[in-house]
Amino acid sequence: MPVCIRLKRTGAKNNPVFRIVVADNRSPRDGKFIEEIGTYWPTQKDVNYKVDITRADYWISKGAQPSDTVNSFLKKAKRAAAVAA
């Protein structure tokens, strides 16, 4: 069962909101998922995402592959956490 960390689209027409989810690679984009670990609001400015870094690291350690977009969010969140600490 290949597991991936990817975006799931929610929200209204012309007002997208995405959830960052851990899902089976074979399930559809908006289908069944294992765990929700964050959100992404593409219409907002500046910090438009929220992600649980500890849960993402846990799933990556178990073999989950993040998508390119989610990987960029994780890099930004880790960089911001390092600066804040």
N, C-alpha and C. Protein backbone atom coordinates (compact mmCIF):
# COMPACT_ATOMS: atom_id res chain seq x y z
N MET A 1 0.84 -1.18 0.00
CA MET A 1 0.00 0.00 0.00
C MET A 1 0.89 1.24 0.00
N PRO A 2 1.13 1.85 -1.17
CA PRO A 2 1.93 3.08 -1.19
C PRO A 2 1.14 4.26 -0.62
N VAL A 3 1.74 4.94 0.32
CA VAL A 3 1.09 6.06 1.00
C VAL A 3 1.73 7.35 0.53
N CYS A 4 0.91 8.38 0.31
CA CYS A 4 1.42 9.67 -0.12
C CYS A 4 0.78 10.78 0.72
N ILE A 5 1.46 11.90 0.78
CA ILE A 5 0.93 13.09 1.44
C ILE A 5 0.63 14.07 0.31
N ARG A 6 -0.64 14.43 0.18
CA ARG A 6 -1.06 15.24 -0.95
C ARG A 6 -2.20 16.17 -0.56
N LEU A 7 -2.67 16.95 -1.54
CA LEU A 7 -3.75 17.90 -1.31
C LEU A 7 -5.09 17.29 -1.68
N LYS A 8 -6.11 17.63 -0.90
CA LYS A 8 -7.49 17.24 -1.17
C LYS A 8 -8.29 18.53 -1.29
N ARG A 9 -8.98 18.73 -2.41
CA ARG A 9 -9.69 19.98 -2.65
C ARG A 9 -11.04 20.00 -1.95
N THR A 10 -11.29 21.09 -1.24
CA THR A 10 -12.59 21.36 -0.65
C THR A 10 -12.92 22.81 -0.96
N GLY A 11 -13.97 23.33 -0.40
CA GLY A 11 -14.31 24.72 -0.63
C GLY A 11 -15.31 24.86 -1.77
N ALA A 12 -15.76 26.07 -1.98
CA ALA A 12 -16.78 26.36 -2.98
C ALA A 12 -16.16 26.62 -4.35
N LYS A 13 -17.02 26.76 -5.34
CA LYS A 13 -16.57 27.09 -6.68
C LYS A 13 -15.93 28.48 -6.66
N ASN A 14 -14.78 28.62 -7.28
CA ASN A 14 -13.99 29.85 -7.32
C ASN A 14 -13.49 30.30 -5.95
N ASN A 15 -13.55 29.44 -4.96
CA ASN A 15 -13.03 29.74 -3.63
C ASN A 15 -12.40 28.46 -3.06
N PRO A 16 -11.28 28.04 -3.63
CA PRO A 16 -10.72 26.75 -3.24
C PRO A 16 -10.07 26.78 -1.86
N VAL A 17 -10.18 25.67 -1.18
CA VAL A 17 -9.47 25.40 0.07
C VAL A 17 -8.98 23.97 -0.06
N PHE A 18 -7.74 23.73 0.30
CA PHE A 18 -7.17 22.40 0.20
C PHE A 18 -6.83 21.88 1.59
N ARG A 19 -6.99 20.59 1.78
CA ARG A 19 -6.55 19.93 3.00
C ARG A 19 -5.33 19.09 2.67
N ILE A 20 -4.35 19.12 3.54
CA ILE A 20 -3.16 18.29 3.36
C ILE A 20 -3.45 16.98 4.06
N VAL A 21 -3.51 15.90 3.30
CA VAL A 21 -3.91 14.61 3.84
C VAL A 21 -2.87 13.53 3.53
N VAL A 22 -2.90 12.51 4.37
CA VAL A 22 -2.12 11.29 4.13
C VAL A 22 -3.12 10.29 3.56
N ALA A 23 -2.83 9.78 2.36
CA ALA A 23 -3.80 8.90 1.68
C ALA A 23 -3.07 7.77 0.97
N ASP A 24 -3.83 6.73 0.69
CA ASP A 24 -3.36 5.65 -0.15
C ASP A 24 -3.20 6.21 -1.56
N ASN A 25 -2.14 5.85 -2.23
CA ASN A 25 -1.84 6.38 -3.55
C ASN A 25 -2.91 6.02 -4.57
N ARG A 26 -3.64 4.93 -4.34
CA ARG A 26 -4.64 4.46 -5.30
C ARG A 26 -6.00 5.13 -5.14
N SER A 27 -6.23 5.83 -4.03
CA SER A 27 -7.53 6.46 -3.80
C SER A 27 -7.63 7.75 -4.63
N PRO A 28 -8.85 8.17 -5.00
CA PRO A 28 -9.00 9.39 -5.79
C PRO A 28 -8.63 10.64 -5.00
N ARG A 29 -8.45 11.75 -5.70
CA ARG A 29 -7.98 12.99 -5.08
C ARG A 29 -8.83 13.41 -3.90
N ASP A 30 -10.14 13.40 -4.07
CA ASP A 30 -11.04 13.84 -3.01
C ASP A 30 -11.68 12.65 -2.28
N GLY A 31 -11.09 11.49 -2.39
CA GLY A 31 -11.66 10.29 -1.80
C GLY A 31 -11.19 10.02 -0.39
N LYS A 32 -11.15 8.76 -0.06
CA LYS A 32 -10.81 8.33 1.29
C LYS A 32 -9.36 8.67 1.62
N PHE A 33 -9.12 9.06 2.87
CA PHE A 33 -7.77 9.37 3.31
C PHE A 33 -7.55 8.78 4.70
N ILE A 34 -6.28 8.71 5.11
CA ILE A 34 -5.93 8.12 6.40
C ILE A 34 -5.96 9.17 7.50
N GLU A 35 -5.34 10.33 7.25
CA GLU A 35 -5.25 11.36 8.28
C GLU A 35 -5.12 12.73 7.62
N GLU A 36 -5.73 13.73 8.23
CA GLU A 36 -5.59 15.11 7.78
C GLU A 36 -4.53 15.78 8.65
N ILE A 37 -3.51 16.38 8.02
CA ILE A 37 -2.42 16.97 8.80
C ILE A 37 -2.24 18.47 8.56
N GLY A 38 -3.09 19.08 7.73
CA GLY A 38 -2.95 20.51 7.53
C GLY A 38 -3.95 21.05 6.53
N THR A 39 -3.84 22.37 6.28
CA THR A 39 -4.71 23.05 5.34
C THR A 39 -3.91 24.03 4.50
N TYR A 40 -4.48 24.40 3.35
CA TYR A 40 -3.84 25.35 2.44
C TYR A 40 -4.93 26.22 1.82
N TRP A 41 -4.79 27.54 1.93
CA TRP A 41 -5.72 28.51 1.39
C TRP A 41 -5.00 29.29 0.29
N PRO A 42 -5.17 28.93 -0.97
CA PRO A 42 -4.41 29.60 -2.04
C PRO A 42 -4.82 31.04 -2.29
N THR A 43 -5.98 31.48 -1.83
CA THR A 43 -6.42 32.85 -2.08
C THR A 43 -5.88 33.84 -1.06
N GLN A 44 -5.30 33.37 0.04
CA GLN A 44 -4.75 34.27 1.05
C GLN A 44 -3.33 34.68 0.68
N LYS A 45 -2.89 35.79 1.25
CA LYS A 45 -1.53 36.25 1.04
C LYS A 45 -0.64 35.80 2.20
N ASP A 46 0.67 35.93 2.02
CA ASP A 46 1.69 35.59 3.02
C ASP A 46 1.59 34.12 3.43
N VAL A 47 1.41 33.85 4.70
CA VAL A 47 1.36 32.46 5.18
C VAL A 47 -0.05 31.93 4.92
N ASN A 48 -0.17 31.10 3.88
CA ASN A 48 -1.48 30.61 3.48
C ASN A 48 -1.61 29.10 3.68
N TYR A 49 -0.81 28.53 4.57
CA TYR A 49 -0.87 27.11 4.85
C TYR A 49 -0.64 26.87 6.34
N LYS A 50 -1.11 25.74 6.81
CA LYS A 50 -0.87 25.30 8.18
C LYS A 50 -0.65 23.80 8.11
N VAL A 51 0.45 23.32 8.67
CA VAL A 51 0.76 21.90 8.59
C VAL A 51 1.35 21.43 9.92
N ASP A 52 0.98 20.23 10.33
CA ASP A 52 1.50 19.61 11.54
C ASP A 52 2.80 18.90 11.17
N ILE A 53 3.92 19.52 11.49
CA ILE A 53 5.23 19.02 11.07
C ILE A 53 5.55 17.67 11.71
N THR A 54 5.17 17.49 12.97
CA THR A 54 5.50 16.23 13.66
C THR A 54 4.78 15.05 13.02
N ARG A 55 3.51 15.23 12.65
CA ARG A 55 2.77 14.14 12.00
C ARG A 55 3.31 13.88 10.59
N ALA A 56 3.69 14.94 9.90
CA ALA A 56 4.26 14.77 8.56
C ALA A 56 5.58 14.00 8.64
N ASP A 57 6.42 14.35 9.61
CA ASP A 57 7.68 13.62 9.77
C ASP A 57 7.45 12.16 10.14
N TYR A 58 6.42 11.92 10.96
CA TYR A 58 6.09 10.54 11.32
C TYR A 58 5.73 9.74 10.08
N TRP A 59 4.86 10.28 9.24
CA TRP A 59 4.43 9.55 8.05
C TRP A 59 5.57 9.39 7.04
N ILE A 60 6.42 10.40 6.93
CA ILE A 60 7.57 10.28 6.03
C ILE A 60 8.52 9.20 6.53
N SER A 61 8.68 9.09 7.86
CA SER A 61 9.54 8.03 8.41
C SER A 61 8.96 6.65 8.15
N LYS A 62 7.64 6.56 7.99
CA LYS A 62 6.98 5.29 7.68
C LYS A 62 6.96 4.99 6.19
N GLY A 63 7.47 5.91 5.36
CA GLY A 63 7.59 5.65 3.93
C GLY A 63 6.66 6.45 3.05
N ALA A 64 5.90 7.39 3.60
CA ALA A 64 5.00 8.20 2.79
C ALA A 64 5.80 9.18 1.94
N GLN A 65 5.34 9.39 0.71
CA GLN A 65 5.99 10.30 -0.21
C GLN A 65 5.16 11.57 -0.35
N PRO A 66 5.69 12.73 0.03
CA PRO A 66 4.93 13.97 -0.14
C PRO A 66 4.94 14.42 -1.61
N SER A 67 3.85 15.05 -2.04
CA SER A 67 3.81 15.61 -3.39
C SER A 67 4.74 16.82 -3.42
N ASP A 68 5.00 17.33 -4.60
CA ASP A 68 5.92 18.47 -4.75
C ASP A 68 5.42 19.69 -3.98
N THR A 69 4.13 19.97 -4.08
CA THR A 69 3.56 21.13 -3.39
C THR A 69 3.64 20.97 -1.88
N VAL A 70 3.27 19.81 -1.39
CA VAL A 70 3.31 19.56 0.06
C VAL A 70 4.76 19.59 0.55
N ASN A 71 5.67 19.09 -0.25
CA ASN A 71 7.08 19.11 0.13
C ASN A 71 7.58 20.55 0.29
N SER A 72 7.14 21.45 -0.58
CA SER A 72 7.55 22.86 -0.45
C SER A 72 6.96 23.47 0.82
N PHE A 73 5.70 23.12 1.17
CA PHE A 73 5.10 23.61 2.42
C PHE A 73 5.88 23.11 3.63
N LEU A 74 6.29 21.84 3.59
CA LEU A 74 7.04 21.28 4.72
C LEU A 74 8.39 21.97 4.88
N LYS A 75 9.06 22.24 3.78
CA LYS A 75 10.35 22.94 3.85
C LYS A 75 10.18 24.33 4.45
N LYS A 76 9.15 25.06 3.99
CA LYS A 76 8.90 26.40 4.52
C LYS A 76 8.53 26.36 6.00
N ALA A 77 7.72 25.40 6.39
CA ALA A 77 7.29 25.30 7.80
C ALA A 77 8.47 24.94 8.69
N LYS A 78 9.34 24.04 8.23
CA LYS A 78 10.52 23.67 9.03
C LYS A 78 11.48 24.85 9.15
N ARG A 79 11.63 25.61 8.07
CA ARG A 79 12.49 26.78 8.11
C ARG A 79 11.95 27.83 9.07
N ALA A 80 10.64 28.05 9.06
CA ALA A 80 10.00 29.02 9.97
C ALA A 80 10.09 28.54 11.41
N ALA A 81 9.96 27.25 11.65
CA ALA A 81 10.07 26.72 13.02
C ALA A 81 11.50 26.86 13.54
N ALA A 82 12.49 26.69 12.66
CA ALA A 82 13.89 26.82 13.07
C ALA A 82 14.22 28.26 13.42
N VAL A 83 13.67 29.21 12.69
CA VAL A 83 13.91 30.62 12.95
C VAL A 83 13.22 31.03 14.27
N ALA A 84 12.03 30.51 14.51
CA ALA A 84 11.29 30.86 15.72
C ALA A 84 11.92 30.27 16.98
N ALA A 85 12.61 29.16 16.84
CA ALA A 85 13.21 28.50 18.01
C ALA A 85 14.52 29.11 18.42
